[in-house]
Amino acid sequence: MSVNDDWTLSQTLFGVTTYYRREDDGSLSIKLEGSLKDVPLFDQVAILREVDLHYRWAPFCSSSLTIAHLDKLDTVGWFVVGLPHFGLIRDACFRAIGCDSIYEDGSILLVAQGIADKPQDGIKSVSLQK
């Protein structure tokens, strides 16, 4: 996660660094990195679990929904982002997982990745159940 060889730096603003890359299938991946200092654990976990509320505070997010909670820190969600007046609207499904490393290095890692629109070769369906 700390290697940025295949990512293109876009900008750093308000302590958040944004990267992007074009994927082999023509899609665009975006990665955001930032550190949260002195943020209560409860608030960090709420970001991960309360996908239904993302549309209320995330910029350009007009709709959001929790699809499934697979574990305490493992959530599948859906959101819509864009500028509808300019015809720019996209939606995505993602899986977000939290890793508690408090005892190891004092950190908590929250990672989310998009769920592919098309199944990979040989996979006919994807199950979200544990």
N, C-alpha and C. Protein backbone atom coordinates (compact mmCIF):
# COMPACT_ATOMS: atom_id res chain seq x y z
N MET A 1 0.81 -1.20 0.00
CA MET A 1 0.00 0.00 0.00
C MET A 1 0.85 1.26 0.00
N SER A 2 2.10 1.15 0.45
CA SER A 2 2.94 2.34 0.49
C SER A 2 3.70 2.56 -0.81
N VAL A 3 3.60 1.64 -1.77
CA VAL A 3 4.29 1.78 -3.05
C VAL A 3 3.37 2.48 -4.03
N ASN A 4 3.83 3.58 -4.63
CA ASN A 4 3.01 4.37 -5.54
C ASN A 4 3.53 4.32 -6.97
N ASP A 5 4.26 3.25 -7.34
CA ASP A 5 4.87 3.17 -8.66
C ASP A 5 3.87 3.22 -9.80
N ASP A 6 2.73 2.58 -9.64
CA ASP A 6 1.78 2.51 -10.74
C ASP A 6 0.66 3.55 -10.64
N TRP A 7 0.73 4.45 -9.68
CA TRP A 7 -0.27 5.49 -9.49
C TRP A 7 0.30 6.83 -9.94
N THR A 8 -0.55 7.69 -10.50
CA THR A 8 -0.16 9.04 -10.90
C THR A 8 -0.69 10.01 -9.86
N LEU A 9 0.20 10.83 -9.31
CA LEU A 9 -0.20 11.82 -8.32
C LEU A 9 -1.07 12.88 -8.98
N SER A 10 -2.22 13.14 -8.40
CA SER A 10 -3.11 14.16 -8.91
C SER A 10 -2.93 15.45 -8.12
N GLN A 11 -3.13 15.38 -6.79
CA GLN A 11 -2.97 16.57 -5.96
C GLN A 11 -2.96 16.20 -4.49
N THR A 12 -2.50 17.12 -3.68
CA THR A 12 -2.60 17.02 -2.23
C THR A 12 -3.29 18.28 -1.75
N LEU A 13 -4.39 18.11 -1.03
CA LEU A 13 -5.19 19.23 -0.56
C LEU A 13 -5.80 18.87 0.78
N PHE A 14 -5.69 19.74 1.76
CA PHE A 14 -6.24 19.54 3.10
C PHE A 14 -5.75 18.24 3.73
N GLY A 15 -4.50 17.86 3.45
CA GLY A 15 -3.93 16.66 4.04
C GLY A 15 -4.32 15.36 3.37
N VAL A 16 -5.04 15.43 2.25
CA VAL A 16 -5.44 14.24 1.52
C VAL A 16 -4.73 14.24 0.17
N THR A 17 -4.02 13.16 -0.11
CA THR A 17 -3.31 13.02 -1.38
C THR A 17 -4.14 12.12 -2.28
N THR A 18 -4.37 12.56 -3.51
CA THR A 18 -5.19 11.83 -4.48
C THR A 18 -4.31 11.31 -5.61
N TYR A 19 -4.47 10.04 -5.94
CA TYR A 19 -3.77 9.39 -7.04
C TYR A 19 -4.81 8.78 -7.98
N TYR A 20 -4.41 8.54 -9.22
CA TYR A 20 -5.29 7.83 -10.15
C TYR A 20 -4.45 6.93 -11.06
N ARG A 21 -5.13 5.96 -11.70
CA ARG A 21 -4.49 5.12 -12.72
C ARG A 21 -5.55 4.54 -13.62
N ARG A 22 -5.19 4.32 -14.86
CA ARG A 22 -6.06 3.66 -15.83
C ARG A 22 -5.84 2.16 -15.72
N GLU A 23 -6.92 1.42 -15.67
CA GLU A 23 -6.85 -0.03 -15.57
C GLU A 23 -6.87 -0.65 -16.96
N ASP A 24 -6.52 -1.93 -17.05
CA ASP A 24 -6.48 -2.64 -18.33
C ASP A 24 -7.84 -2.70 -19.01
N ASP A 25 -8.92 -2.68 -18.22
CA ASP A 25 -10.26 -2.76 -18.79
C ASP A 25 -10.81 -1.39 -19.20
N GLY A 26 -9.98 -0.33 -19.09
CA GLY A 26 -10.41 1.01 -19.49
C GLY A 26 -11.00 1.84 -18.37
N SER A 27 -11.19 1.23 -17.21
CA SER A 27 -11.76 1.98 -16.08
C SER A 27 -10.67 2.84 -15.43
N LEU A 28 -11.10 3.73 -14.57
CA LEU A 28 -10.21 4.63 -13.86
C LEU A 28 -10.29 4.31 -12.37
N SER A 29 -9.15 4.06 -11.74
CA SER A 29 -9.10 3.83 -10.30
C SER A 29 -8.58 5.08 -9.62
N ILE A 30 -9.12 5.37 -8.46
CA ILE A 30 -8.72 6.54 -7.69
C ILE A 30 -8.35 6.08 -6.29
N LYS A 31 -7.24 6.60 -5.79
CA LYS A 31 -6.79 6.26 -4.44
C LYS A 31 -6.60 7.55 -3.66
N LEU A 32 -7.16 7.58 -2.46
CA LEU A 32 -7.02 8.72 -1.55
C LEU A 32 -6.25 8.27 -0.33
N GLU A 33 -5.27 9.06 0.08
CA GLU A 33 -4.50 8.75 1.28
C GLU A 33 -4.49 9.94 2.20
N GLY A 34 -4.59 9.69 3.48
CA GLY A 34 -4.51 10.76 4.46
C GLY A 34 -4.41 10.16 5.85
N SER A 35 -3.95 10.95 6.77
CA SER A 35 -3.85 10.51 8.16
C SER A 35 -4.87 11.26 9.01
N LEU A 36 -5.46 10.53 9.92
CA LEU A 36 -6.39 11.12 10.87
C LEU A 36 -5.72 11.09 12.23
N LYS A 37 -5.57 12.22 12.83
CA LYS A 37 -4.95 12.29 14.15
C LYS A 37 -6.00 12.73 15.17
N ASP A 38 -6.00 12.08 16.30
CA ASP A 38 -6.91 12.41 17.40
C ASP A 38 -8.38 12.28 17.01
N VAL A 39 -8.68 11.32 16.13
CA VAL A 39 -10.06 11.04 15.75
C VAL A 39 -10.50 9.81 16.54
N PRO A 40 -11.59 9.92 17.30
CA PRO A 40 -12.04 8.78 18.11
C PRO A 40 -12.31 7.54 17.27
N LEU A 41 -12.01 6.39 17.84
CA LEU A 41 -12.23 5.11 17.17
C LEU A 41 -13.67 4.96 16.70
N PHE A 42 -14.61 5.38 17.52
CA PHE A 42 -16.03 5.27 17.16
C PHE A 42 -16.31 6.00 15.84
N ASP A 43 -15.75 7.20 15.67
CA ASP A 43 -15.98 7.97 14.44
C ASP A 43 -15.38 7.27 13.23
N GLN A 44 -14.23 6.64 13.39
CA GLN A 44 -13.59 5.94 12.28
C GLN A 44 -14.43 4.73 11.85
N VAL A 45 -14.92 3.98 12.81
CA VAL A 45 -15.73 2.81 12.50
C VAL A 45 -17.07 3.23 11.90
N ALA A 46 -17.62 4.37 12.33
CA ALA A 46 -18.89 4.86 11.79
C ALA A 46 -18.76 5.13 10.29
N ILE A 47 -17.63 5.66 9.85
CA ILE A 47 -17.41 5.91 8.42
C ILE A 47 -17.51 4.61 7.64
N LEU A 48 -16.95 3.57 8.20
CA LEU A 48 -16.94 2.26 7.55
C LEU A 48 -18.33 1.62 7.54
N ARG A 49 -19.06 1.74 8.62
CA ARG A 49 -20.32 1.01 8.75
C ARG A 49 -21.56 1.78 8.32
N GLU A 50 -21.53 3.08 8.33
CA GLU A 50 -22.72 3.88 8.06
C GLU A 50 -22.76 4.41 6.62
N VAL A 51 -22.64 3.50 5.67
CA VAL A 51 -22.65 3.88 4.25
C VAL A 51 -23.97 4.58 3.89
N ASP A 52 -25.06 4.20 4.53
CA ASP A 52 -26.36 4.83 4.27
C ASP A 52 -26.34 6.34 4.47
N LEU A 53 -25.39 6.84 5.26
CA LEU A 53 -25.33 8.27 5.56
C LEU A 53 -24.26 9.02 4.76
N HIS A 54 -23.49 8.34 3.95
CA HIS A 54 -22.43 9.00 3.19
C HIS A 54 -22.96 10.14 2.33
N TYR A 55 -24.13 9.98 1.76
CA TYR A 55 -24.68 11.03 0.89
C TYR A 55 -24.92 12.34 1.65
N ARG A 56 -25.01 12.27 2.98
CA ARG A 56 -25.27 13.48 3.76
C ARG A 56 -24.03 14.35 3.97
N TRP A 57 -22.83 13.77 3.86
CA TRP A 57 -21.62 14.54 4.15
C TRP A 57 -20.53 14.44 3.09
N ALA A 58 -20.55 13.42 2.23
CA ALA A 58 -19.49 13.28 1.22
C ALA A 58 -19.79 14.20 0.03
N PRO A 59 -18.82 15.00 -0.38
CA PRO A 59 -19.04 15.92 -1.51
C PRO A 59 -19.44 15.17 -2.78
N PHE A 60 -20.42 15.70 -3.49
CA PHE A 60 -20.90 15.18 -4.77
C PHE A 60 -21.55 13.81 -4.68
N CYS A 61 -21.77 13.28 -3.47
CA CYS A 61 -22.45 12.00 -3.30
C CYS A 61 -23.93 12.29 -3.11
N SER A 62 -24.76 11.79 -4.03
CA SER A 62 -26.19 12.09 -3.97
C SER A 62 -27.03 10.94 -3.40
N SER A 63 -26.45 9.75 -3.35
CA SER A 63 -27.18 8.61 -2.82
C SER A 63 -26.18 7.56 -2.34
N SER A 64 -26.54 6.83 -1.28
CA SER A 64 -25.66 5.78 -0.77
C SER A 64 -26.50 4.74 -0.04
N LEU A 65 -25.99 3.51 -0.02
CA LEU A 65 -26.75 2.40 0.56
C LEU A 65 -25.78 1.32 1.07
N THR A 66 -26.07 0.78 2.24
CA THR A 66 -25.33 -0.37 2.73
C THR A 66 -25.93 -1.62 2.10
N ILE A 67 -25.10 -2.39 1.40
CA ILE A 67 -25.57 -3.63 0.77
C ILE A 67 -25.53 -4.77 1.78
N ALA A 68 -24.41 -4.89 2.51
CA ALA A 68 -24.27 -5.97 3.49
C ALA A 68 -23.17 -5.64 4.48
N HIS A 69 -23.35 -6.10 5.71
CA HIS A 69 -22.29 -6.10 6.71
C HIS A 69 -21.81 -7.55 6.80
N LEU A 70 -20.61 -7.81 6.28
CA LEU A 70 -20.08 -9.17 6.28
C LEU A 70 -19.42 -9.53 7.60
N ASP A 71 -18.98 -8.52 8.34
CA ASP A 71 -18.37 -8.70 9.65
C ASP A 71 -18.40 -7.35 10.35
N LYS A 72 -17.88 -7.26 11.54
CA LYS A 72 -17.92 -6.00 12.29
C LYS A 72 -17.22 -4.87 11.56
N LEU A 73 -16.10 -5.16 10.89
CA LEU A 73 -15.36 -4.14 10.14
C LEU A 73 -15.23 -4.53 8.68
N ASP A 74 -16.30 -5.05 8.10
CA ASP A 74 -16.29 -5.51 6.71
C ASP A 74 -17.67 -5.21 6.11
N THR A 75 -17.74 -4.20 5.24
CA THR A 75 -19.01 -3.71 4.72
C THR A 75 -18.99 -3.62 3.20
N VAL A 76 -20.12 -3.96 2.59
CA VAL A 76 -20.30 -3.77 1.15
C VAL A 76 -21.31 -2.64 0.98
N GLY A 77 -20.96 -1.65 0.16
CA GLY A 77 -21.83 -0.50 -0.02
C GLY A 77 -21.96 -0.07 -1.47
N TRP A 78 -22.86 0.86 -1.72
CA TRP A 78 -23.12 1.42 -3.04
C TRP A 78 -23.30 2.93 -2.89
N PHE A 79 -22.81 3.69 -3.87
CA PHE A 79 -22.99 5.14 -3.82
C PHE A 79 -23.07 5.71 -5.24
N VAL A 80 -23.66 6.89 -5.33
CA VAL A 80 -23.75 7.64 -6.59
C VAL A 80 -23.03 8.97 -6.36
N VAL A 81 -22.11 9.30 -7.27
CA VAL A 81 -21.41 10.59 -7.20
C VAL A 81 -21.51 11.27 -8.55
N GLY A 82 -21.42 12.60 -8.54
CA GLY A 82 -21.41 13.32 -9.80
C GLY A 82 -22.01 14.70 -9.69
N LEU A 83 -22.10 15.32 -10.85
CA LEU A 83 -22.70 16.64 -11.01
C LEU A 83 -23.84 16.48 -12.02
N PRO A 84 -25.05 16.19 -11.55
CA PRO A 84 -26.16 15.88 -12.47
C PRO A 84 -26.46 16.99 -13.47
N HIS A 85 -26.26 18.25 -13.09
CA HIS A 85 -26.57 19.36 -13.99
C HIS A 85 -25.62 19.40 -15.18
N PHE A 86 -24.47 18.74 -15.05
CA PHE A 86 -23.49 18.68 -16.13
C PHE A 86 -23.46 17.32 -16.80
N GLY A 87 -24.37 16.43 -16.41
CA GLY A 87 -24.44 15.09 -17.00
C GLY A 87 -23.34 14.15 -16.55
N LEU A 88 -22.70 14.46 -15.45
CA LEU A 88 -21.63 13.61 -14.93
C LEU A 88 -22.13 12.87 -13.70
N ILE A 89 -22.53 11.63 -13.89
CA ILE A 89 -23.04 10.82 -12.79
C ILE A 89 -22.46 9.41 -12.92
N ARG A 90 -21.94 8.90 -11.82
CA ARG A 90 -21.40 7.55 -11.78
C ARG A 90 -21.82 6.90 -10.48
N ASP A 91 -22.00 5.58 -10.53
CA ASP A 91 -22.25 4.85 -9.30
C ASP A 91 -21.24 3.72 -9.20
N ALA A 92 -21.09 3.21 -7.99
CA ALA A 92 -20.12 2.15 -7.76
C ALA A 92 -20.50 1.35 -6.54
N CYS A 93 -20.13 0.07 -6.57
CA CYS A 93 -20.22 -0.79 -5.40
C CYS A 93 -18.81 -0.98 -4.88
N PHE A 94 -18.66 -1.10 -3.58
CA PHE A 94 -17.35 -1.27 -2.99
C PHE A 94 -17.43 -2.15 -1.76
N ARG A 95 -16.29 -2.68 -1.40
CA ARG A 95 -16.15 -3.43 -0.15
C ARG A 95 -15.11 -2.70 0.68
N ALA A 96 -15.45 -2.37 1.91
CA ALA A 96 -14.55 -1.65 2.81
C ALA A 96 -14.26 -2.54 4.03
N ILE A 97 -12.98 -2.63 4.35
CA ILE A 97 -12.54 -3.47 5.46
C ILE A 97 -11.67 -2.64 6.40
N GLY A 98 -11.88 -2.80 7.67
CA GLY A 98 -11.05 -2.13 8.68
C GLY A 98 -10.14 -3.14 9.35
N CYS A 99 -8.92 -2.71 9.63
CA CYS A 99 -7.94 -3.57 10.29
C CYS A 99 -7.45 -2.87 11.55
N ASP A 100 -7.67 -3.49 12.68
CA ASP A 100 -7.26 -2.94 13.97
C ASP A 100 -5.81 -3.33 14.26
N SER A 101 -4.91 -2.37 14.15
CA SER A 101 -3.48 -2.60 14.44
C SER A 101 -3.04 -1.78 15.64
N ILE A 102 -3.97 -1.49 16.53
CA ILE A 102 -3.67 -0.67 17.70
C ILE A 102 -2.52 -1.26 18.52
N TYR A 103 -2.56 -2.57 18.76
CA TYR A 103 -1.52 -3.18 19.59
C TYR A 103 -0.19 -3.27 18.86
N GLU A 104 -0.20 -3.34 17.53
CA GLU A 104 1.04 -3.47 16.76
C GLU A 104 1.75 -2.13 16.60
N ASP A 105 1.06 -1.14 16.02
CA ASP A 105 1.72 0.14 15.77
C ASP A 105 0.85 1.35 16.09
N GLY A 106 -0.28 1.12 16.77
CA GLY A 106 -1.15 2.22 17.18
C GLY A 106 -2.03 2.76 16.08
N SER A 107 -2.22 2.00 15.00
CA SER A 107 -3.01 2.51 13.88
C SER A 107 -4.23 1.64 13.61
N ILE A 108 -5.14 2.22 12.85
CA ILE A 108 -6.29 1.51 12.30
C ILE A 108 -6.29 1.80 10.82
N LEU A 109 -6.38 0.77 10.01
CA LEU A 109 -6.35 0.92 8.56
C LEU A 109 -7.74 0.66 8.00
N LEU A 110 -8.27 1.62 7.23
CA LEU A 110 -9.55 1.46 6.56
C LEU A 110 -9.28 1.43 5.06
N VAL A 111 -9.66 0.36 4.39
CA VAL A 111 -9.40 0.19 2.97
C VAL A 111 -10.69 -0.18 2.27
N ALA A 112 -10.94 0.47 1.14
CA ALA A 112 -12.12 0.13 0.33
C ALA A 112 -11.67 -0.10 -1.10
N GLN A 113 -12.31 -1.05 -1.77
CA GLN A 113 -12.00 -1.34 -3.16
C GLN A 113 -13.30 -1.58 -3.91
N GLY A 114 -13.36 -1.10 -5.13
CA GLY A 114 -14.54 -1.30 -5.95
C GLY A 114 -14.75 -2.76 -6.28
N ILE A 115 -16.00 -3.14 -6.43
CA ILE A 115 -16.36 -4.49 -6.84
C ILE A 115 -16.56 -4.45 -8.35
N ALA A 116 -15.91 -5.33 -9.07
CA ALA A 116 -15.93 -5.33 -10.53
C ALA A 116 -17.35 -5.48 -11.07
N ASP A 117 -17.63 -4.76 -12.17
CA ASP A 117 -18.92 -4.88 -12.83
C ASP A 117 -19.08 -6.24 -13.49
N LYS A 118 -17.99 -6.74 -14.06
CA LYS A 118 -18.03 -8.01 -14.78
C LYS A 118 -17.26 -9.05 -13.99
N PRO A 119 -17.78 -10.28 -13.95
CA PRO A 119 -17.03 -11.33 -13.26
C PRO A 119 -15.73 -11.63 -14.01
N GLN A 120 -14.70 -12.02 -13.26
CA GLN A 120 -13.44 -12.40 -13.88
C GLN A 120 -13.59 -13.72 -14.60
N ASP A 121 -12.65 -14.05 -15.47
CA ASP A 121 -12.70 -15.29 -16.25
C ASP A 121 -12.95 -16.49 -15.35
N GLY A 122 -13.90 -17.31 -15.74
CA GLY A 122 -14.17 -18.53 -15.02
C GLY A 122 -15.09 -18.38 -13.83
N ILE A 123 -15.39 -17.17 -13.40
CA ILE A 123 -16.28 -16.97 -12.26
C ILE A 123 -17.67 -16.63 -12.78
N LYS A 124 -18.65 -17.41 -12.44
CA LYS A 124 -20.01 -17.21 -12.95
C LYS A 124 -20.83 -16.30 -12.05
N SER A 125 -20.57 -16.32 -10.73
CA SER A 125 -21.30 -15.46 -9.82
C SER A 125 -20.43 -15.17 -8.60
N VAL A 126 -20.80 -14.11 -7.91
CA VAL A 126 -20.07 -13.72 -6.72
C VAL A 126 -21.03 -13.72 -5.55
N SER A 127 -20.67 -14.37 -4.47
CA SER A 127 -21.49 -14.42 -3.28
C SER A 127 -20.92 -13.46 -2.24
N LEU A 128 -21.77 -12.68 -1.60
CA LEU A 128 -21.33 -11.76 -0.57
C LEU A 128 -21.47 -12.34 0.83
N GLN A 129 -21.92 -13.58 0.91
CA GLN A 129 -22.08 -14.20 2.23
C GLN A 129 -20.76 -14.79 2.68
N LYS A 130 -20.57 -14.79 3.99
CA LYS A 130 -19.36 -15.37 4.57
C LYS A 130 -19.38 -16.86 4.53
